[in-house]
Amino acid sequence: MQLFRSFVKKEFYHIFRDVRTLLILFGLPIALILIFGYVVTSEIKNAKIAILDHSKDKITTEITNKILSSGYFILSENLKSAKQIEEVFRQGEVREVIIFEPEFSKNLSKTGQANVQIITDASDANTANLILNYTRAIIQDYSMSLNKIPAQSIKIIPQTRMLYNEELKGVYMFVPGTMALILLLVSAMMTSISIAREKEMGTMEVMLVSPLKPLQIILGKVTPYFVLSFINAVTILLLGVFVFGMPVKGSLILLLGESMLFILLSLSLGILISTVSPNQQVAMFISMMALMLPTILLSGFIFPIENMPPLLQWISHIMPARWFITVLKNVMLKGTGLLFVWKESLIMIGMTVIFISMSVRKFKVRLE
């Protein structure tokens, strides 16, 4: 029995001395419960909306204040004309536009009825539904508060319109997200495992002492995966369009160019992972755990980023898939051009340069 206790004690010492094991045992569960607890929610928080008030009277002001004071919405912009609606949606920040008809209060007092139009960005169908239901409920609550006299019947009728996805097809949300997830995992994971295999077998040392420069070695390793990943991207797009009916309203050339940029970014990330991974198992673990879960939870793929706490919103900025998903939705669903996605494109280019620079520097250190 004493021998068994000594053996168990030795195993505990081994576990506590291995930082990676401790991270998996204690760090991973804590991180997952915090992330899932804050991210996986069906509530709406801080959704940005725009108001187009043709009436600007007491009642429309009260309705606007009630909507904004609910804690669910943030006023992004007061629009001056209907021409601004399409532009404000294409910019990607505003989720909903609320339009009050002219002489709103006058119509309500004369006929007992007034109309308010609610236009929602339905490129994310689930979020659009939630935002619409929240807005309707607030307006209905205000309408009921006006009916103080039993004989009096006042109706505020919301007229709704779903922009970019009138049928609220979930596939419009899942195709861009799935495409980003697949390209990121396949490109990054396969590249990291490939280079880690070379290190494990000892052939990487042979390449490092060859006349090839570190940048040439890196480019030589990623070129085949770049070509295969691009074929994968085209296949996903064809399936999305011809099988699921996903529209491509914008430039196909721009869409393919952005896909190639994201593939290059994913490959550079895979190279960076390989430089810090001693073997294939570690490379696969880092690729799966550091890329898959954050991409699903923090990129806006499934859950709106504005619903997250400020810390997680900040972390989401370093998620490559976040920017690619935004580009895909803008180009495919909204038909926007480079003028509306230049910021996301520059961020992806910047990330690619940083990852490649760090990888090349790591290879140079190994040469020294």
Protein backbone atom coordinates (compact mmCIF):
# COMPACT_ATOMS: atom_id res chain seq x y z
CA MET A 1 0.00 0.00 0.00
CA GLN A 2 2.88 2.31 0.79
CA LEU A 3 4.32 1.59 -2.67
CA PHE A 4 0.99 2.48 -4.28
CA ARG A 5 0.78 5.78 -2.34
CA SER A 6 4.30 6.66 -3.43
CA PHE A 7 3.40 5.90 -7.03
CA VAL A 8 0.28 8.11 -6.87
CA LYS A 9 2.32 10.88 -5.23
CA LYS A 10 4.88 10.67 -8.03
CA GLU A 11 2.11 11.00 -10.65
CA PHE A 12 0.79 14.12 -8.93
CA TYR A 13 4.29 15.62 -9.01
CA HIS A 14 4.54 14.86 -12.75
CA ILE A 15 1.21 16.57 -13.43
CA PHE A 16 1.97 19.66 -11.36
CA ARG A 17 5.37 20.06 -13.01
CA ASP A 18 3.84 20.06 -16.53
CA VAL A 19 2.38 23.49 -17.21
CA ARG A 20 0.56 22.34 -20.36
CA THR A 21 -1.22 19.57 -18.46
CA LEU A 22 -2.30 22.02 -15.76
CA LEU A 23 -3.65 24.38 -18.40
CA ILE A 24 -5.74 21.58 -19.91
CA LEU A 25 -6.97 20.33 -16.52
CA PHE A 26 -7.84 23.68 -14.93
CA GLY A 27 -7.42 26.50 -17.44
CA LEU A 28 -9.48 25.02 -20.28
CA PRO A 29 -12.64 24.26 -18.21
CA ILE A 30 -12.59 27.74 -16.65
CA ALA A 31 -12.06 29.42 -20.02
CA LEU A 32 -14.84 27.39 -21.67
CA ILE A 33 -17.42 28.02 -18.95
CA LEU A 34 -16.69 31.75 -18.99
CA ILE A 35 -16.79 31.99 -22.78
CA PHE A 36 -19.94 29.90 -23.16
CA GLY A 37 -21.60 31.68 -20.24
CA TYR A 38 -21.06 35.11 -21.74
CA VAL A 39 -21.32 34.32 -25.46
CA VAL A 40 -24.03 31.65 -25.79
CA THR A 41 -27.12 33.76 -25.16
CA SER A 42 -30.34 34.50 -27.00
CA GLU A 43 -30.54 38.03 -25.60
CA ILE A 44 -29.97 41.21 -27.55
CA LYS A 45 -27.48 43.71 -26.15
CA ASN A 46 -26.17 46.96 -27.58
CA ALA A 47 -27.62 46.43 -31.05
CA LYS A 48 -26.95 49.53 -33.13
CA ILE A 49 -29.99 51.10 -34.79
CA ALA A 50 -30.74 54.18 -36.87
CA ILE A 51 -33.86 56.37 -36.67
CA LEU A 52 -35.56 58.15 -39.57
CA ASP A 53 -38.19 60.37 -37.95
CA HIS A 54 -40.28 62.22 -40.54
CA SER A 55 -42.60 63.56 -37.83
CA LYS A 56 -40.32 64.54 -34.93
CA ASP A 57 -43.23 65.08 -32.56
CA LYS A 58 -43.80 64.24 -28.91
CA ILE A 59 -44.97 60.65 -29.42
CA THR A 60 -42.21 59.63 -31.84
CA THR A 61 -39.68 61.12 -29.41
CA GLU A 62 -41.20 59.15 -26.53
CA ILE A 63 -41.15 55.91 -28.54
CA THR A 64 -37.53 56.51 -29.53
CA ASN A 65 -36.55 57.19 -25.91
CA LYS A 66 -38.37 54.08 -24.74
CA ILE A 67 -36.55 51.93 -27.30
CA LEU A 68 -33.14 53.39 -26.43
CA SER A 69 -33.71 53.28 -22.67
CA SER A 70 -34.58 49.57 -22.81
CA GLY A 71 -30.87 48.71 -22.71
CA TYR A 72 -31.10 46.55 -25.83
CA PHE A 73 -30.35 49.20 -28.44
CA ILE A 74 -27.82 51.95 -29.11
CA LEU A 75 -28.61 54.85 -31.43
CA SER A 76 -25.96 54.88 -34.12
CA GLU A 77 -27.36 57.60 -36.35
CA ASN A 78 -30.35 59.87 -36.95
CA LEU A 79 -31.08 59.65 -40.66
CA LYS A 80 -32.28 62.60 -42.69
CA SER A 81 -33.69 60.80 -45.73
CA ALA A 82 -34.63 57.35 -46.99
CA LYS A 83 -31.67 57.46 -49.39
CA GLN A 84 -29.31 56.90 -46.44
CA ILE A 85 -30.89 53.58 -45.41
CA GLU A 86 -29.12 51.39 -47.96
CA GLU A 87 -25.77 53.05 -47.29
CA VAL A 88 -26.01 52.75 -43.52
CA PHE A 89 -26.78 49.03 -43.81
CA ARG A 90 -23.90 48.44 -46.21
CA GLN A 91 -21.47 49.93 -43.70
CA GLY A 92 -22.26 46.91 -41.53
CA GLU A 93 -22.69 48.59 -38.15
CA VAL A 94 -26.45 49.25 -38.04
CA ARG A 95 -28.73 46.27 -37.49
CA GLU A 96 -32.09 48.04 -37.80
CA VAL A 97 -33.66 51.23 -39.11
CA ILE A 98 -36.90 52.53 -37.59
CA ILE A 99 -38.96 54.92 -39.76
CA PHE A 100 -41.78 57.08 -38.37
CA GLU A 101 -44.30 58.34 -40.90
CA PRO A 102 -45.00 62.09 -41.32
CA GLU A 103 -47.55 63.62 -38.91
CA PHE A 104 -47.37 60.56 -36.67
CA SER A 105 -49.10 62.11 -33.63
CA LYS A 106 -51.70 63.85 -35.79
CA ASN A 107 -52.67 60.59 -37.49
CA LEU A 108 -52.83 58.83 -34.12
CA SER A 109 -55.18 61.44 -32.62
CA LYS A 110 -57.39 61.71 -35.72
CA THR A 111 -57.75 58.11 -36.87
CA GLY A 112 -56.45 56.24 -33.82
CA GLN A 113 -53.82 54.62 -36.00
CA ALA A 114 -50.25 55.40 -37.04
CA ASN A 115 -47.57 53.45 -38.89
CA VAL A 116 -43.95 52.81 -38.09
CA GLN A 117 -41.72 50.89 -40.48
CA ILE A 118 -39.00 48.59 -39.17
CA ILE A 119 -36.26 47.53 -41.60
CA THR A 120 -33.83 44.91 -40.31
CA ASP A 121 -30.53 43.61 -41.69
CA ALA A 122 -31.39 39.92 -42.09
CA SER A 123 -27.99 38.75 -43.31
CA ASP A 124 -27.90 37.25 -39.80
CA ALA A 125 -31.40 35.79 -39.69
CA ASN A 126 -31.48 34.81 -36.00
CA THR A 127 -30.31 38.19 -34.76
CA ALA A 128 -32.66 40.00 -37.13
CA ASN A 129 -35.63 38.06 -35.75
CA LEU A 130 -34.66 38.83 -32.17
CA ILE A 131 -34.16 42.54 -32.84
CA LEU A 132 -37.49 42.76 -34.67
CA ASN A 133 -39.36 40.99 -31.86
CA TYR A 134 -37.76 43.21 -29.20
CA THR A 135 -38.66 46.38 -31.13
CA ARG A 136 -42.23 45.23 -31.73
CA ALA A 137 -42.69 44.39 -28.05
CA ILE A 138 -41.45 47.83 -26.94
CA ILE A 139 -43.71 49.63 -29.43
CA GLN A 140 -46.68 47.47 -28.44
CA ASP A 141 -46.04 48.20 -24.77
CA TYR A 142 -46.02 51.93 -25.49
CA SER A 143 -49.21 51.59 -27.56
CA MET A 144 -50.95 49.84 -24.67
CA SER A 145 -49.90 52.60 -22.28
CA LEU A 146 -51.73 55.13 -24.50
CA ASN A 147 -55.00 53.18 -24.23
CA LYS A 148 -55.83 54.45 -20.74
CA ILE A 149 -59.51 54.89 -21.49
CA PRO A 150 -61.28 51.53 -22.12
CA ALA A 151 -63.36 52.96 -24.96
CA GLN A 152 -60.31 54.43 -26.64
CA SER A 153 -58.46 52.31 -29.15
CA ILE A 154 -55.10 53.50 -30.36
CA LYS A 155 -52.97 51.35 -32.63
CA ILE A 156 -49.36 51.80 -33.66
CA ILE A 157 -48.86 49.37 -36.52
CA PRO A 158 -45.29 48.21 -37.22
CA GLN A 159 -44.64 47.46 -40.89
CA THR A 160 -41.65 45.16 -41.10
CA ARG A 161 -39.14 44.42 -43.83
CA MET A 162 -36.18 42.06 -43.77
CA LEU A 163 -33.35 43.39 -45.93
CA TYR A 164 -30.91 41.06 -47.78
CA ASN A 165 -32.70 37.91 -46.55
CA GLU A 166 -36.47 38.34 -46.73
CA GLU A 167 -37.15 34.62 -46.25
CA LEU A 168 -34.87 34.50 -43.17
CA LYS A 169 -32.89 31.55 -44.50
CA GLY A 170 -30.38 30.34 -41.94
CA VAL A 171 -28.07 29.21 -44.72
CA TYR A 172 -27.29 32.87 -45.50
CA MET A 173 -25.60 33.03 -42.13
CA PHE A 174 -24.02 29.58 -42.01
CA VAL A 175 -22.42 29.42 -45.46
CA PRO A 176 -20.04 32.39 -44.89
CA GLY A 177 -19.24 31.23 -41.35
CA THR A 178 -18.68 27.63 -42.36
CA MET A 179 -16.50 28.68 -45.27
CA ALA A 180 -14.30 30.76 -42.95
CA LEU A 181 -14.10 27.96 -40.39
CA ILE A 182 -13.21 25.26 -42.94
CA LEU A 183 -10.57 27.35 -44.71
CA LEU A 184 -9.00 28.44 -41.43
CA LEU A 185 -8.87 24.95 -39.94
CA VAL A 186 -7.79 23.12 -43.09
CA SER A 187 -5.18 25.67 -44.16
CA ALA A 188 -3.72 26.39 -40.75
CA MET A 189 -3.91 22.85 -39.37
CA MET A 190 -2.53 21.07 -42.45
CA THR A 191 0.34 23.55 -42.78
CA SER A 192 1.28 23.38 -39.10
CA ILE A 193 1.16 19.58 -39.06
CA SER A 194 3.19 19.34 -42.28
CA ILE A 195 6.03 21.50 -40.96
CA ALA A 196 5.87 19.90 -37.50
CA ARG A 197 6.24 16.50 -39.20
CA GLU A 198 9.42 17.71 -40.90
CA LYS A 199 10.78 18.81 -37.52
CA GLU A 200 9.80 15.52 -35.90
CA MET A 201 11.50 13.44 -38.62
CA GLY A 202 14.61 15.61 -38.63
CA THR A 203 14.30 16.66 -42.28
CA MET A 204 13.63 20.29 -41.28
CA GLU A 205 17.24 20.62 -40.09
CA VAL A 206 18.42 19.46 -43.52
CA MET A 207 16.33 22.18 -45.20
CA LEU A 208 17.55 24.82 -42.76
CA VAL A 209 21.21 24.19 -43.69
CA SER A 210 20.43 24.12 -47.41
CA PRO A 211 21.09 27.13 -49.71
CA LEU A 212 17.38 27.98 -49.53
CA LYS A 213 16.48 31.06 -47.53
CA PRO A 214 13.90 30.77 -44.69
CA LEU A 215 11.32 32.70 -46.74
CA GLN A 216 11.84 30.34 -49.70
CA ILE A 217 11.37 27.31 -47.45
CA ILE A 218 8.15 28.77 -46.07
CA LEU A 219 6.79 29.64 -49.52
CA GLY A 220 7.71 26.21 -50.83
CA LYS A 221 5.80 24.54 -47.99
CA VAL A 222 2.64 26.63 -48.29
CA THR A 223 2.26 26.87 -52.09
CA PRO A 224 0.64 23.41 -52.55
CA TYR A 225 -1.73 24.05 -49.63
CA PHE A 226 -2.59 27.48 -51.04
CA VAL A 227 -3.65 25.94 -54.37
CA LEU A 228 -5.62 23.12 -52.71
CA SER A 229 -7.31 25.51 -50.26
CA PHE A 230 -8.36 27.80 -53.11
CA ILE A 231 -9.96 24.82 -54.87
CA ASN A 232 -11.68 24.08 -51.56
CA ALA A 233 -12.97 27.66 -51.37
CA VAL A 234 -14.34 27.53 -54.92
CA THR A 235 -16.04 24.21 -54.14
CA ILE A 236 -17.70 25.68 -51.04
CA LEU A 237 -18.91 28.70 -53.02
CA LEU A 238 -20.35 26.49 -55.78
CA LEU A 239 -22.16 24.34 -53.21
CA GLY A 240 -23.50 27.43 -51.47
CA VAL A 241 -24.80 28.96 -54.69
CA PHE A 242 -26.15 25.91 -56.55
CA VAL A 243 -27.22 23.67 -53.66
CA PHE A 244 -28.30 26.14 -50.96
CA GLY A 245 -29.29 29.08 -53.18
CA MET A 246 -26.79 31.51 -51.66
CA PRO A 247 -26.69 34.70 -53.77
CA VAL A 248 -23.53 36.45 -54.95
CA LYS A 249 -24.70 40.03 -55.48
CA GLY A 250 -21.24 41.60 -55.51
CA SER A 251 -18.15 41.14 -57.64
CA LEU A 252 -17.09 37.51 -58.06
CA ILE A 253 -13.50 38.62 -58.71
CA LEU A 254 -13.46 40.56 -55.42
CA LEU A 255 -14.94 37.55 -53.61
CA LEU A 256 -12.27 35.18 -54.96
CA GLY A 257 -9.54 37.74 -54.24
CA GLU A 258 -10.67 38.10 -50.61
CA SER A 259 -10.83 34.30 -50.33
CA MET A 260 -7.22 34.02 -51.52
CA LEU A 261 -6.20 36.68 -49.00
CA PHE A 262 -7.87 34.77 -46.16
CA ILE A 263 -6.27 31.50 -47.28
CA LEU A 264 -2.86 33.19 -47.25
CA LEU A 265 -3.62 34.53 -43.77
CA SER A 266 -4.63 31.06 -42.55
CA LEU A 267 -1.50 29.48 -44.03
CA SER A 268 0.73 32.08 -42.36
CA LEU A 269 -0.99 31.35 -39.05
CA GLY A 270 -0.39 27.64 -39.58
CA ILE A 271 3.31 28.32 -40.19
CA LEU A 272 3.51 30.33 -36.98
CA ILE A 273 1.85 27.51 -35.02
CA SER A 274 4.35 25.02 -36.46
CA THR A 275 7.32 27.11 -35.30
CA VAL A 276 6.23 26.79 -31.64
CA SER A 277 5.11 23.14 -31.88
CA PRO A 278 7.69 20.42 -31.15
CA ASN A 279 5.61 17.66 -32.81
CA GLN A 280 2.48 16.94 -34.85
CA GLN A 281 0.26 16.25 -31.83
CA VAL A 282 0.97 19.63 -30.27
CA ALA A 283 0.45 21.36 -33.62
CA MET A 284 -2.92 19.65 -34.08
CA PHE A 285 -3.99 20.45 -30.51
CA ILE A 286 -3.11 24.14 -30.85
CA SER A 287 -4.79 24.35 -34.26
CA MET A 288 -8.01 22.75 -33.03
CA MET A 289 -8.31 24.41 -29.62
CA ALA A 290 -6.86 27.82 -30.44
CA LEU A 291 -8.68 28.19 -33.76
CA MET A 292 -11.90 26.17 -33.87
CA LEU A 293 -13.65 27.23 -30.64
CA PRO A 294 -12.67 30.93 -30.82
CA THR A 295 -13.71 31.02 -34.49
CA ILE A 296 -17.13 29.54 -33.71
CA LEU A 297 -17.76 31.66 -30.62
CA LEU A 298 -15.93 34.96 -31.07
CA SER A 299 -16.00 35.69 -34.82
CA GLY A 300 -19.69 36.57 -35.14
CA PHE A 301 -20.27 33.27 -36.97
CA ILE A 302 -23.18 32.26 -34.73
CA PHE A 303 -23.39 34.77 -31.88
CA PRO A 304 -23.50 38.58 -32.36
CA ILE A 305 -20.30 40.26 -31.23
CA GLU A 306 -22.14 43.23 -29.70
CA ASN A 307 -23.83 40.84 -27.24
CA MET A 308 -20.46 39.92 -25.73
CA PRO A 309 -18.75 41.63 -22.77
CA PRO A 310 -16.20 44.33 -23.72
CA LEU A 311 -13.23 42.03 -23.04
CA LEU A 312 -14.48 39.34 -25.43
CA GLN A 313 -15.36 41.99 -28.01
CA TRP A 314 -11.76 43.18 -27.84
CA ILE A 315 -10.46 39.60 -28.18
CA SER A 316 -12.70 39.09 -31.22
CA HIS A 317 -10.65 41.73 -33.05
CA ILE A 318 -7.72 39.30 -33.28
CA MET A 319 -9.90 36.54 -34.74
CA PRO A 320 -9.05 36.36 -38.48
CA ALA A 321 -12.41 34.76 -39.32
CA ARG A 322 -14.31 37.77 -37.96
CA TRP A 323 -13.06 40.02 -40.75
CA PHE A 324 -13.47 37.41 -43.51
CA ILE A 325 -17.06 36.63 -42.50
CA THR A 326 -17.87 40.35 -42.61
CA VAL A 327 -16.37 40.58 -46.11
CA LEU A 328 -18.30 37.51 -47.32
CA LYS A 329 -21.64 38.82 -46.07
CA ASN A 330 -21.04 42.27 -47.52
CA VAL A 331 -20.00 41.03 -50.96
CA MET A 332 -22.37 38.07 -51.29
CA LEU A 333 -25.54 39.40 -49.63
CA LYS A 334 -25.26 43.19 -49.82
CA GLY A 335 -23.41 43.49 -53.12
CA THR A 336 -20.85 45.92 -51.74
CA GLY A 337 -17.50 46.61 -53.39
CA LEU A 338 -13.98 47.19 -52.12
CA LEU A 339 -15.03 50.65 -50.91
CA PHE A 340 -17.01 49.03 -48.08
CA VAL A 341 -14.60 46.21 -47.17
CA TRP A 342 -11.22 47.94 -47.47
CA LYS A 343 -10.80 48.12 -43.69
CA GLU A 344 -11.32 44.38 -43.22
CA SER A 345 -9.00 43.68 -46.15
CA LEU A 346 -6.22 45.83 -44.68
CA ILE A 347 -6.59 44.10 -41.30
CA MET A 348 -6.22 40.67 -42.93
CA ILE A 349 -3.18 41.87 -44.91
CA GLY A 350 -1.65 43.24 -41.71
CA MET A 351 -2.22 39.98 -39.85
CA THR A 352 -0.65 38.01 -42.71
CA VAL A 353 2.47 40.21 -42.73
CA ILE A 354 2.82 39.91 -38.94
CA PHE A 355 2.45 36.12 -38.91
CA ILE A 356 4.88 35.60 -41.80
CA SER A 357 7.45 37.98 -40.24
CA MET A 358 7.27 36.16 -36.91
CA SER A 359 7.64 32.79 -38.66
CA VAL A 360 10.64 33.88 -40.73
CA ARG A 361 12.30 35.33 -37.62
CA LYS A 362 11.77 32.03 -35.82
CA PHE A 363 13.38 30.13 -38.70
CA LYS A 364 16.33 32.53 -38.67
CA VAL A 365 16.80 31.87 -34.94
CA ARG A 366 16.95 28.13 -35.67
CA LEU A 367 19.58 28.78 -38.36
CA GLU A 368 21.74 30.66 -35.85
